[in-house]
N, C-alpha and C. Protein backbone atom coordinates (compact mmCIF):
# COMPACT_ATOMS: atom_id res chain seq x y z
N MET A 1 0.81 -1.15 0.06
CA MET A 1 -0.03 -0.09 -0.03
C MET A 1 0.93 1.31 -0.15
N ARG A 2 1.99 1.27 0.82
CA ARG A 2 2.78 2.48 0.89
C ARG A 2 3.34 2.81 -0.47
N ALA A 3 3.81 1.65 -1.06
CA ALA A 3 4.57 1.82 -2.46
C ALA A 3 3.60 2.47 -3.51
N GLN A 4 2.33 1.97 -3.26
CA GLN A 4 1.32 2.59 -4.13
C GLN A 4 1.17 4.21 -3.71
N LEU A 5 1.08 4.42 -2.63
CA LEU A 5 0.96 5.71 -2.05
C LEU A 5 2.09 6.77 -2.70
N LEU A 6 3.40 6.06 -2.70
CA LEU A 6 4.28 6.92 -2.99
C LEU A 6 4.16 7.48 -4.39
N LEU A 7 3.48 6.59 -5.23
CA LEU A 7 3.38 6.97 -6.75
C LEU A 7 2.10 7.76 -6.92
N ARG A 8 1.28 7.79 -6.08
CA ARG A 8 0.07 8.58 -6.14
C ARG A 8 0.29 9.88 -5.65
N ASP A 9 -0.28 11.08 -6.53
CA ASP A 9 -0.32 12.44 -5.99
C ASP A 9 -1.30 12.58 -4.99
N LEU A 10 -1.04 12.97 -3.94
CA LEU A 10 -1.99 13.05 -2.57
C LEU A 10 -2.19 14.86 -2.71
N PRO A 11 -3.50 15.11 -2.33
CA PRO A 11 -3.74 16.62 -2.04
C PRO A 11 -2.80 16.94 -0.77
N THR A 12 -2.22 18.16 -0.69
CA THR A 12 -1.46 18.64 0.23
C THR A 12 -2.37 19.57 1.04
N GLU A 13 -3.58 19.72 0.86
CA GLU A 13 -4.42 20.82 1.62
C GLU A 13 -5.90 20.08 1.54
N PHE A 14 -6.82 20.69 2.47
CA PHE A 14 -8.10 20.18 2.37
C PHE A 14 -8.77 21.29 3.02
N ASP A 15 -10.04 21.63 2.76
CA ASP A 15 -10.77 22.79 3.32
C ASP A 15 -11.99 22.31 3.84
N THR A 16 -12.51 22.83 5.19
CA THR A 16 -13.69 22.58 5.71
C THR A 16 -14.58 23.96 5.44
N SER A 17 -15.73 24.01 6.27
CA SER A 17 -16.46 25.25 5.92
C SER A 17 -15.80 26.40 6.60
N ARG A 18 -15.02 26.31 7.60
CA ARG A 18 -14.41 27.56 8.09
C ARG A 18 -12.86 27.45 8.22
N LEU A 19 -12.39 26.28 7.66
CA LEU A 19 -10.93 26.16 8.02
C LEU A 19 -10.22 25.81 6.59
N SER A 20 -8.97 26.08 6.50
CA SER A 20 -7.96 25.56 5.42
C SER A 20 -6.97 24.78 6.25
N CYS A 21 -6.52 23.47 5.82
CA CYS A 21 -5.77 22.78 6.33
C CYS A 21 -4.84 22.33 5.31
N ARG A 22 -3.47 22.52 5.67
CA ARG A 22 -2.42 22.16 4.61
C ARG A 22 -1.07 21.59 5.15
N ILE A 23 -0.38 21.09 4.44
CA ILE A 23 0.86 20.38 5.13
C ILE A 23 1.86 21.48 5.43
N PRO A 24 2.54 21.46 6.43
CA PRO A 24 3.60 22.28 6.93
C PRO A 24 4.75 22.49 5.67
N LYS A 25 5.31 23.70 5.38
CA LYS A 25 6.17 23.83 4.61
C LYS A 25 7.29 24.77 5.09
N ALA A 26 8.33 24.83 4.35
CA ALA A 26 9.38 25.93 4.69
C ALA A 26 8.83 27.25 4.77
N GLY A 27 9.08 27.94 6.01
CA GLY A 27 8.62 29.34 6.13
C GLY A 27 7.52 29.29 7.17
N ASP A 28 7.01 28.15 7.38
CA ASP A 28 5.80 28.30 8.17
C ASP A 28 6.20 28.29 9.79
N GLY A 29 7.43 28.19 10.14
CA GLY A 29 7.93 28.05 11.32
C GLY A 29 7.51 29.22 12.36
N HIS A 30 7.60 30.14 11.71
CA HIS A 30 7.29 31.60 12.51
C HIS A 30 5.83 31.51 13.15
N HIS A 31 4.84 30.95 12.13
CA HIS A 31 3.52 31.06 12.70
C HIS A 31 3.28 29.98 13.68
N LEU A 32 3.89 28.76 13.32
CA LEU A 32 3.77 27.62 14.41
C LEU A 32 4.34 28.17 15.68
N TYR A 33 5.48 28.69 15.68
CA TYR A 33 6.13 29.11 16.99
C TYR A 33 5.20 30.00 17.78
N GLU A 34 4.58 31.00 16.97
CA GLU A 34 3.63 31.96 17.71
C GLU A 34 2.46 31.10 18.35
N ALA A 35 1.81 30.18 17.57
CA ALA A 35 0.85 29.42 18.31
C ALA A 35 1.21 28.56 19.42
N VAL A 36 2.18 27.68 19.31
CA VAL A 36 2.82 27.09 20.55
C VAL A 36 3.24 27.86 21.56
N LYS A 37 3.91 28.82 21.44
CA LYS A 37 4.30 29.76 22.51
C LYS A 37 3.19 30.30 23.20
N SER A 38 2.17 30.78 22.58
CA SER A 38 0.86 31.24 23.31
C SER A 38 0.13 30.11 23.75
N SER A 39 0.47 28.83 23.74
CA SER A 39 -0.38 27.73 24.13
C SER A 39 0.48 26.91 25.07
N ILE A 40 1.59 27.22 25.20
CA ILE A 40 2.54 26.20 25.98
C ILE A 40 2.09 25.66 27.30
N SER A 41 1.50 26.61 28.12
CA SER A 41 1.18 26.10 29.40
C SER A 41 -0.04 24.83 29.34
N GLU A 42 -1.02 25.25 28.41
CA GLU A 42 -2.07 24.16 28.21
C GLU A 42 -1.36 22.97 27.60
N LEU A 43 -0.67 23.15 26.56
CA LEU A 43 0.10 21.83 25.88
C LEU A 43 0.88 21.09 26.89
N ARG A 44 1.62 21.83 27.84
CA ARG A 44 2.43 20.95 28.70
C ARG A 44 1.52 20.21 29.84
N ALA A 45 0.19 20.79 29.94
CA ALA A 45 -0.70 20.09 30.95
C ALA A 45 -1.10 18.70 30.31
N VAL A 46 -0.84 18.33 29.13
CA VAL A 46 -1.11 17.11 28.52
C VAL A 46 0.19 16.66 27.83
N LEU A 47 1.20 16.68 28.67
CA LEU A 47 2.58 16.47 28.24
C LEU A 47 2.61 14.70 27.68
N VAL A 48 1.84 14.02 28.29
CA VAL A 48 1.86 12.71 27.78
C VAL A 48 1.52 12.58 26.37
N ALA A 49 0.71 13.31 25.91
CA ALA A 49 0.05 13.38 24.42
C ALA A 49 1.10 14.10 23.53
N VAL A 50 1.72 15.12 24.08
CA VAL A 50 2.63 16.15 23.25
C VAL A 50 3.83 16.18 23.88
N PRO A 51 4.67 15.10 24.05
CA PRO A 51 6.02 15.34 24.84
C PRO A 51 7.00 16.27 24.21
N TRP A 52 6.77 16.83 23.12
CA TRP A 52 7.71 17.89 22.38
C TRP A 52 7.34 19.18 23.25
N SER A 53 6.22 19.44 23.73
CA SER A 53 6.11 20.53 24.36
C SER A 53 6.77 20.75 25.69
N ALA A 54 7.58 19.71 26.09
CA ALA A 54 8.47 19.90 27.37
C ALA A 54 9.58 20.79 27.02
N ASP A 55 10.02 20.77 25.63
CA ASP A 55 11.17 21.66 25.39
C ASP A 55 10.66 23.05 25.10
N GLU A 56 11.48 24.00 25.53
CA GLU A 56 11.16 25.49 25.32
C GLU A 56 10.98 25.76 23.70
N PRO A 57 9.71 26.41 23.40
CA PRO A 57 9.60 26.51 22.01
C PRO A 57 10.59 27.73 21.41
N THR A 58 10.99 27.27 20.29
CA THR A 58 11.85 28.27 19.37
C THR A 58 11.41 28.35 17.98
N VAL A 59 11.65 29.36 17.37
CA VAL A 59 11.28 29.67 15.95
C VAL A 59 11.98 28.65 15.09
N GLU A 60 13.35 28.08 15.54
CA GLU A 60 14.14 27.35 14.83
C GLU A 60 13.55 25.95 15.05
N ALA A 61 13.12 25.48 16.10
CA ALA A 61 12.47 24.04 16.39
C ALA A 61 11.14 24.04 15.59
N SER A 62 10.43 25.19 15.62
CA SER A 62 9.16 25.08 14.74
C SER A 62 9.34 24.94 13.26
N GLU A 63 10.51 25.75 12.87
CA GLU A 63 10.91 25.47 11.50
C GLU A 63 11.10 24.27 10.98
N SER A 64 11.92 23.62 12.09
CA SER A 64 12.58 22.26 11.64
C SER A 64 11.30 21.17 11.61
N PHE A 65 10.38 21.39 12.59
CA PHE A 65 9.14 20.54 12.58
C PHE A 65 8.54 20.64 11.18
N CYS A 66 8.23 21.89 10.82
CA CYS A 66 7.62 22.20 9.41
C CYS A 66 8.30 21.54 8.31
N ARG A 67 9.70 21.64 8.14
CA ARG A 67 10.45 21.13 7.21
C ARG A 67 10.39 19.60 7.25
N SER A 68 10.56 18.99 8.34
CA SER A 68 10.36 17.44 8.60
C SER A 68 9.08 16.91 8.31
N GLY A 69 8.00 17.70 8.63
CA GLY A 69 6.71 17.36 8.29
C GLY A 69 6.46 17.29 6.75
N PHE A 70 6.90 18.37 6.15
CA PHE A 70 6.78 18.37 4.59
C PHE A 70 7.57 17.14 4.12
N ALA A 71 8.72 16.78 4.54
CA ALA A 71 9.38 15.60 3.96
C ALA A 71 8.57 14.37 4.44
N ALA A 72 8.29 14.20 5.54
CA ALA A 72 7.45 12.85 6.01
C ALA A 72 6.16 12.54 5.12
N PHE A 73 5.53 13.79 4.80
CA PHE A 73 4.29 13.76 4.14
C PHE A 73 4.70 13.21 2.67
N HIS A 74 5.77 13.61 2.06
CA HIS A 74 6.19 13.24 0.75
C HIS A 74 6.67 11.93 0.68
N ALA A 75 7.23 11.44 1.96
CA ALA A 75 7.75 10.10 1.88
C ALA A 75 6.57 9.00 2.39
N ARG A 76 5.47 9.70 2.72
CA ARG A 76 4.22 8.79 3.17
C ARG A 76 4.33 8.25 4.41
N ASN A 77 5.30 8.72 5.40
CA ASN A 77 5.61 8.15 6.56
C ASN A 77 4.72 8.81 7.80
N ASP A 78 4.21 10.02 7.59
CA ASP A 78 3.43 10.70 8.44
C ASP A 78 2.69 11.93 7.60
N PHE A 79 1.37 12.29 8.20
CA PHE A 79 0.62 13.20 7.47
C PHE A 79 0.16 14.32 8.36
N PRO A 80 1.25 15.17 8.53
CA PRO A 80 0.76 16.37 9.42
C PRO A 80 0.02 17.63 8.66
N PHE A 81 -0.83 18.25 9.29
CA PHE A 81 -1.42 19.49 8.68
C PHE A 81 -1.44 20.49 9.66
N LEU A 82 -1.22 21.69 9.29
CA LEU A 82 -1.56 22.87 10.02
C LEU A 82 -2.86 23.32 9.76
N ILE A 83 -3.52 23.85 10.75
CA ILE A 83 -4.85 24.34 10.54
C ILE A 83 -5.07 25.75 10.76
N PHE A 84 -5.68 26.44 9.53
CA PHE A 84 -5.69 27.93 9.61
C PHE A 84 -7.05 28.20 9.43
N GLU A 85 -7.60 29.27 10.17
CA GLU A 85 -8.80 29.97 10.24
C GLU A 85 -8.94 30.61 8.65
N GLY A 86 -10.07 30.15 7.97
CA GLY A 86 -10.34 30.57 6.60
C GLY A 86 -10.22 32.04 6.44
N ALA A 87 -10.97 32.73 7.15
CA ALA A 87 -11.12 34.12 7.02
C ALA A 87 -9.88 35.04 7.37
N SER A 88 -9.26 34.54 8.47
CA SER A 88 -8.15 35.48 8.96
C SER A 88 -6.65 34.88 8.50
N GLN A 89 -6.85 33.51 8.22
CA GLN A 89 -5.55 32.77 7.84
C GLN A 89 -4.71 32.64 9.19
N ARG A 90 -5.27 32.87 10.36
CA ARG A 90 -4.35 32.68 11.54
C ARG A 90 -4.26 31.32 11.78
N LEU A 91 -3.18 30.76 12.21
CA LEU A 91 -2.87 29.27 12.63
C LEU A 91 -3.52 29.02 14.01
N VAL A 92 -4.58 28.13 13.85
CA VAL A 92 -5.62 27.90 14.92
C VAL A 92 -5.07 26.52 15.68
N GLY A 93 -4.18 25.68 15.05
CA GLY A 93 -3.63 24.42 15.62
C GLY A 93 -3.06 23.52 14.45
N ALA A 94 -3.17 22.25 15.00
CA ALA A 94 -2.42 21.28 13.87
C ALA A 94 -3.24 19.99 14.18
N CYS A 95 -3.24 19.14 13.20
CA CYS A 95 -3.81 17.82 13.36
C CYS A 95 -3.03 17.02 12.45
N GLY A 96 -3.04 15.64 12.29
CA GLY A 96 -2.24 14.77 11.53
C GLY A 96 -2.60 13.36 11.55
N LEU A 97 -2.12 12.61 10.51
CA LEU A 97 -2.45 11.20 10.55
C LEU A 97 -1.15 10.59 10.85
N HIS A 98 -0.98 9.75 11.99
CA HIS A 98 0.17 9.35 12.39
C HIS A 98 0.24 7.63 12.52
N ARG A 99 1.47 7.24 12.46
CA ARG A 99 1.78 5.81 12.75
C ARG A 99 0.91 4.71 11.85
N PRO A 100 1.16 5.19 10.47
CA PRO A 100 0.30 4.16 9.68
C PRO A 100 0.67 2.74 9.69
N ASP A 101 -0.41 2.02 9.53
CA ASP A 101 -0.24 0.49 9.53
C ASP A 101 -1.03 0.08 8.28
N TRP A 102 -0.27 0.05 7.16
CA TRP A 102 -0.73 -0.20 5.83
C TRP A 102 -1.41 -1.42 5.65
N GLN A 103 -0.92 -2.40 6.51
CA GLN A 103 -1.69 -3.89 6.47
C GLN A 103 -3.26 -3.88 6.71
N VAL A 104 -3.67 -2.92 7.53
CA VAL A 104 -4.96 -2.71 7.71
C VAL A 104 -5.88 -2.24 6.71
N PRO A 105 -5.63 -1.01 6.31
CA PRO A 105 -4.85 0.17 6.69
C PRO A 105 -5.44 1.08 7.86
N LYS A 106 -4.73 1.45 8.81
CA LYS A 106 -5.13 2.14 9.87
C LYS A 106 -4.09 3.47 10.13
N LEU A 107 -4.51 4.37 10.84
CA LEU A 107 -3.86 5.54 11.11
C LEU A 107 -4.34 6.23 12.42
N GLU A 108 -3.65 6.79 13.13
CA GLU A 108 -3.78 7.42 14.36
C GLU A 108 -4.15 9.00 14.25
N ILE A 109 -5.01 9.55 14.71
CA ILE A 109 -5.20 10.98 14.39
C ILE A 109 -4.70 11.77 15.79
N GLY A 110 -4.00 12.81 15.66
CA GLY A 110 -3.64 13.61 16.58
C GLY A 110 -3.94 15.05 16.35
N TYR A 111 -4.04 15.94 17.36
CA TYR A 111 -4.58 17.19 17.24
C TYR A 111 -4.27 18.00 18.49
N TRP A 112 -4.09 19.28 18.36
CA TRP A 112 -3.96 20.39 19.33
C TRP A 112 -4.49 21.68 18.77
N CYS A 113 -5.08 22.59 19.77
CA CYS A 113 -5.59 23.91 19.52
C CYS A 113 -4.77 24.85 20.12
N ARG A 114 -4.71 26.02 19.45
CA ARG A 114 -4.09 27.20 20.06
C ARG A 114 -5.28 27.60 21.22
N THR A 115 -4.58 28.06 22.31
CA THR A 115 -5.40 28.21 23.40
C THR A 115 -6.41 29.31 23.22
N GLU A 116 -6.03 30.47 22.48
CA GLU A 116 -7.21 31.48 22.35
C GLU A 116 -8.31 31.09 21.43
N CYS A 117 -8.19 29.82 20.79
CA CYS A 117 -9.10 29.42 19.68
C CYS A 117 -10.12 28.19 20.16
N VAL A 118 -9.62 27.88 21.51
CA VAL A 118 -10.51 26.65 22.09
C VAL A 118 -11.87 27.00 22.20
N GLY A 119 -12.71 26.01 21.91
CA GLY A 119 -14.16 26.38 22.43
C GLY A 119 -14.84 26.82 21.04
N ASN A 120 -14.29 26.82 19.95
CA ASN A 120 -14.99 27.42 18.56
C ASN A 120 -15.14 26.29 17.79
N GLY A 121 -14.87 24.91 18.14
CA GLY A 121 -15.34 23.76 17.30
C GLY A 121 -14.23 23.61 16.15
N TYR A 122 -13.42 24.29 16.22
CA TYR A 122 -12.19 24.41 15.12
C TYR A 122 -11.65 22.85 14.96
N ILE A 123 -11.38 22.29 16.10
CA ILE A 123 -10.66 20.96 15.96
C ILE A 123 -11.56 20.01 15.60
N THR A 124 -12.64 20.01 16.16
CA THR A 124 -13.80 18.93 15.71
C THR A 124 -13.91 18.92 14.16
N GLU A 125 -14.17 20.27 13.77
CA GLU A 125 -14.29 20.35 12.24
C GLU A 125 -13.02 19.85 11.51
N ALA A 126 -11.75 20.23 11.94
CA ALA A 126 -10.65 19.67 11.16
C ALA A 126 -10.39 18.30 11.23
N VAL A 127 -10.84 17.61 12.29
CA VAL A 127 -10.80 16.20 12.60
C VAL A 127 -11.66 15.55 11.55
N ARG A 128 -12.84 15.94 11.46
CA ARG A 128 -13.80 15.46 10.70
C ARG A 128 -13.29 15.58 9.23
N GLY A 129 -12.66 16.75 8.84
CA GLY A 129 -12.12 16.89 7.56
C GLY A 129 -10.92 15.72 7.38
N LEU A 130 -10.25 15.65 8.17
CA LEU A 130 -9.03 14.69 8.35
C LEU A 130 -9.44 13.42 8.09
N MET A 131 -10.56 12.82 8.72
CA MET A 131 -11.15 11.69 8.59
C MET A 131 -11.71 11.34 7.25
N LEU A 132 -12.18 12.28 6.74
CA LEU A 132 -12.57 12.22 5.18
C LEU A 132 -11.56 12.12 4.31
N TYR A 133 -10.42 12.91 4.62
CA TYR A 133 -9.13 12.80 3.77
C TYR A 133 -8.59 11.40 3.86
N ALA A 134 -8.54 10.89 5.19
CA ALA A 134 -7.85 9.63 5.44
C ALA A 134 -8.55 8.42 4.70
N ARG A 135 -10.04 8.54 4.72
CA ARG A 135 -10.73 7.65 3.80
C ARG A 135 -10.72 7.61 2.48
N GLU A 136 -10.72 8.92 1.77
CA GLU A 136 -10.85 8.94 0.52
C GLU A 136 -9.41 8.86 -0.14
N GLN A 137 -8.39 9.44 0.38
CA GLN A 137 -7.03 9.61 -0.09
C GLN A 137 -6.16 8.42 0.26
N LEU A 138 -6.19 7.96 1.50
CA LEU A 138 -5.43 6.84 1.95
C LEU A 138 -6.07 5.56 2.12
N GLU A 139 -7.46 5.53 1.78
CA GLU A 139 -8.22 4.29 1.96
C GLU A 139 -8.15 3.57 3.38
N ALA A 140 -8.09 4.42 4.39
CA ALA A 140 -8.05 3.92 5.68
C ALA A 140 -9.38 3.37 6.03
N VAL A 141 -9.29 2.22 6.80
CA VAL A 141 -10.30 1.38 7.30
C VAL A 141 -10.68 1.86 8.71
N ARG A 142 -9.52 1.89 9.35
CA ARG A 142 -9.70 2.13 10.75
C ARG A 142 -8.73 3.43 11.12
N LEU A 143 -9.45 4.31 12.07
CA LEU A 143 -8.85 5.53 12.55
C LEU A 143 -8.92 5.46 13.98
N GLU A 144 -7.85 5.85 14.64
CA GLU A 144 -7.74 5.79 16.04
C GLU A 144 -7.51 7.06 16.85
N VAL A 145 -7.98 7.43 17.86
CA VAL A 145 -7.47 8.59 18.70
C VAL A 145 -7.02 7.91 19.96
N ILE A 146 -5.78 8.12 20.44
CA ILE A 146 -5.44 7.60 21.56
C ILE A 146 -5.16 8.95 22.62
N VAL A 147 -5.81 8.89 23.64
CA VAL A 147 -5.77 10.20 24.42
C VAL A 147 -5.72 9.79 25.97
N ASP A 148 -5.08 10.69 26.84
CA ASP A 148 -4.92 10.38 28.31
C ASP A 148 -6.42 10.62 28.76
N GLU A 149 -6.68 9.66 29.72
CA GLU A 149 -7.97 9.60 30.41
C GLU A 149 -8.30 10.91 30.97
N PHE A 150 -7.50 11.86 31.51
CA PHE A 150 -7.87 12.93 32.04
C PHE A 150 -7.84 14.15 30.99
N ASN A 151 -7.51 13.89 29.88
CA ASN A 151 -7.69 14.95 28.75
C ASN A 151 -9.10 15.10 28.13
N THR A 152 -9.98 15.72 28.95
CA THR A 152 -11.40 15.69 28.71
C THR A 152 -11.74 16.45 27.35
N ARG A 153 -10.96 17.47 27.03
CA ARG A 153 -11.17 18.18 25.92
C ARG A 153 -11.02 17.44 24.60
N SER A 154 -9.93 16.74 24.64
CA SER A 154 -9.52 15.72 23.53
C SER A 154 -10.56 14.61 23.49
N ARG A 155 -11.10 14.15 24.48
CA ARG A 155 -11.97 13.14 24.45
C ARG A 155 -13.22 13.51 23.82
N ARG A 156 -13.70 14.89 24.34
CA ARG A 156 -14.89 15.41 23.71
C ARG A 156 -14.86 15.59 22.20
N VAL A 157 -13.36 15.98 21.83
CA VAL A 157 -13.44 16.33 20.36
C VAL A 157 -13.53 14.65 19.58
N ALA A 158 -12.93 13.89 20.07
CA ALA A 158 -13.11 12.47 19.44
C ALA A 158 -14.56 12.02 19.34
N GLU A 159 -15.14 12.11 20.53
CA GLU A 159 -16.51 11.81 20.52
C GLU A 159 -17.53 12.48 19.57
N ALA A 160 -17.36 13.88 19.53
CA ALA A 160 -17.98 14.79 18.71
C ALA A 160 -17.68 14.57 17.20
N ALA A 161 -16.44 14.06 17.00
CA ALA A 161 -16.21 13.65 15.51
C ALA A 161 -16.73 12.18 15.27
N GLY A 162 -17.33 11.67 16.04
CA GLY A 162 -17.88 10.29 15.81
C GLY A 162 -17.17 9.02 16.08
N PHE A 163 -16.04 9.04 17.01
CA PHE A 163 -15.31 8.10 17.28
C PHE A 163 -15.96 7.52 18.57
N ARG A 164 -15.85 6.17 18.66
CA ARG A 164 -16.44 5.47 19.78
C ARG A 164 -15.25 4.91 20.78
N LEU A 165 -15.41 5.02 22.00
CA LEU A 165 -14.52 4.55 22.95
C LEU A 165 -14.54 3.09 22.95
N GLU A 166 -13.26 2.34 22.64
CA GLU A 166 -13.18 1.06 22.57
C GLU A 166 -12.70 0.33 23.85
N GLY A 167 -11.98 1.22 24.49
CA GLY A 167 -11.35 0.79 25.85
C GLY A 167 -10.46 1.72 26.43
N THR A 168 -10.10 1.24 27.71
CA THR A 168 -8.96 1.94 28.46
C THR A 168 -7.79 1.13 28.75
N LEU A 169 -6.77 1.49 28.22
CA LEU A 169 -5.45 0.88 28.58
C LEU A 169 -5.05 1.31 30.05
N ARG A 170 -5.15 0.36 31.06
CA ARG A 170 -4.68 0.96 32.44
C ARG A 170 -3.28 0.88 32.54
N SER A 171 -2.74 1.96 33.19
CA SER A 171 -1.17 2.20 33.57
C SER A 171 -0.29 2.00 32.38
N GLN A 172 -0.79 2.67 31.28
CA GLN A 172 -0.21 2.51 30.00
C GLN A 172 1.00 3.24 29.63
N ARG A 173 0.96 4.65 30.21
CA ARG A 173 2.07 5.46 30.07
C ARG A 173 2.34 6.12 31.36
N ARG A 174 3.65 6.73 31.48
CA ARG A 174 3.99 7.36 32.62
C ARG A 174 3.99 8.89 32.38
N GLY A 175 3.41 9.51 33.24
CA GLY A 175 3.10 11.06 33.18
C GLY A 175 4.30 11.73 33.62
N PRO A 176 4.30 13.18 33.19
CA PRO A 176 5.40 13.97 33.53
C PRO A 176 5.72 13.85 35.04
N ASP A 177 4.70 13.59 35.98
CA ASP A 177 4.74 13.53 37.40
C ASP A 177 5.37 12.30 37.78
N GLY A 178 5.68 11.19 36.93
CA GLY A 178 6.24 9.98 37.18
C GLY A 178 5.11 8.76 37.52
N LYS A 179 3.76 9.41 37.70
CA LYS A 179 2.89 8.34 37.87
C LYS A 179 2.20 7.82 36.64
N LEU A 180 1.79 6.57 36.87
CA LEU A 180 1.32 5.83 35.71
C LEU A 180 -0.09 6.33 35.17
N ARG A 181 -0.38 6.45 34.08
CA ARG A 181 -1.56 7.03 33.56
C ARG A 181 -2.41 5.95 32.62
N ASP A 182 -3.60 6.11 32.63
CA ASP A 182 -4.53 5.26 31.86
C ASP A 182 -4.95 6.06 30.52
N ILE A 183 -4.93 5.34 29.41
CA ILE A 183 -4.94 5.85 27.93
C ILE A 183 -6.28 5.31 27.42
N CYS A 184 -7.09 6.21 26.88
CA CYS A 184 -8.39 5.87 26.23
C CYS A 184 -8.08 5.68 24.75
N VAL A 185 -8.63 4.46 24.14
CA VAL A 185 -8.60 4.26 22.84
C VAL A 185 -9.90 4.39 22.13
N TYR A 186 -10.12 5.49 21.36
CA TYR A 186 -11.12 5.75 20.37
C TYR A 186 -10.98 5.28 18.89
N ALA A 187 -12.06 4.71 18.41
CA ALA A 187 -11.92 4.41 16.97
C ALA A 187 -12.96 4.70 16.19
N SER A 188 -12.80 4.88 14.81
CA SER A 188 -13.79 4.96 13.85
C SER A 188 -13.49 3.82 12.90
N VAL A 189 -14.45 3.07 12.54
CA VAL A 189 -14.12 1.88 11.67
C VAL A 189 -15.06 1.81 10.49
N GLU A 190 -14.61 1.75 9.32
CA GLU A 190 -15.52 1.54 8.13
C GLU A 190 -15.34 0.22 7.71
N SER A 191 -16.33 -0.46 7.35
CA SER A 191 -16.14 -1.83 6.80
C SER A 191 -15.29 -1.99 5.64
N ALA A 192 -14.53 -2.89 5.53
CA ALA A 192 -13.61 -3.11 4.35
C ALA A 192 -14.25 -3.54 3.20
N ALA A 193 -13.92 -2.98 2.07
CA ALA A 193 -14.65 -3.38 0.65
C ALA A 193 -14.12 -4.44 0.18
């Protein structure tokens, strides 16, 4: 499947009613840095899910992420997208399709929202668009959201986007405080053709 994807031209962007989502590219680092910097406290509160937020944000690290994400997309190893508000073109967060298993095929969806944009439904909207992209472009049968049990906002996004809780993995990850954490596994499954 991955070999076939390497030969297929995949869209590098998709739109929803209010958002424009596209893969990161060279020069996006400054916009990403501003969004991460303004949201670092909230991101660190869910450090188990976004371990990269433990590092102090820099423009250089953000630019490196953007360039690496661009390369990973074209290698079909990872499918990151930046989320822009359509009207203002302000970066409101990021989402992506990660850890592909082409034998199924399945992918894991990840997402985060810029703090001042939380509560507007942007991430749920982006995740729904990403689900459609995964089904139509990557022929995904199974999509997963893996989230810390206490990350209620991310759990609400998964549920609002139509994912079902399949189970809780007890003591599955160690949190930043050193304590073991439970992880919830959500899935959206389409029957295989």
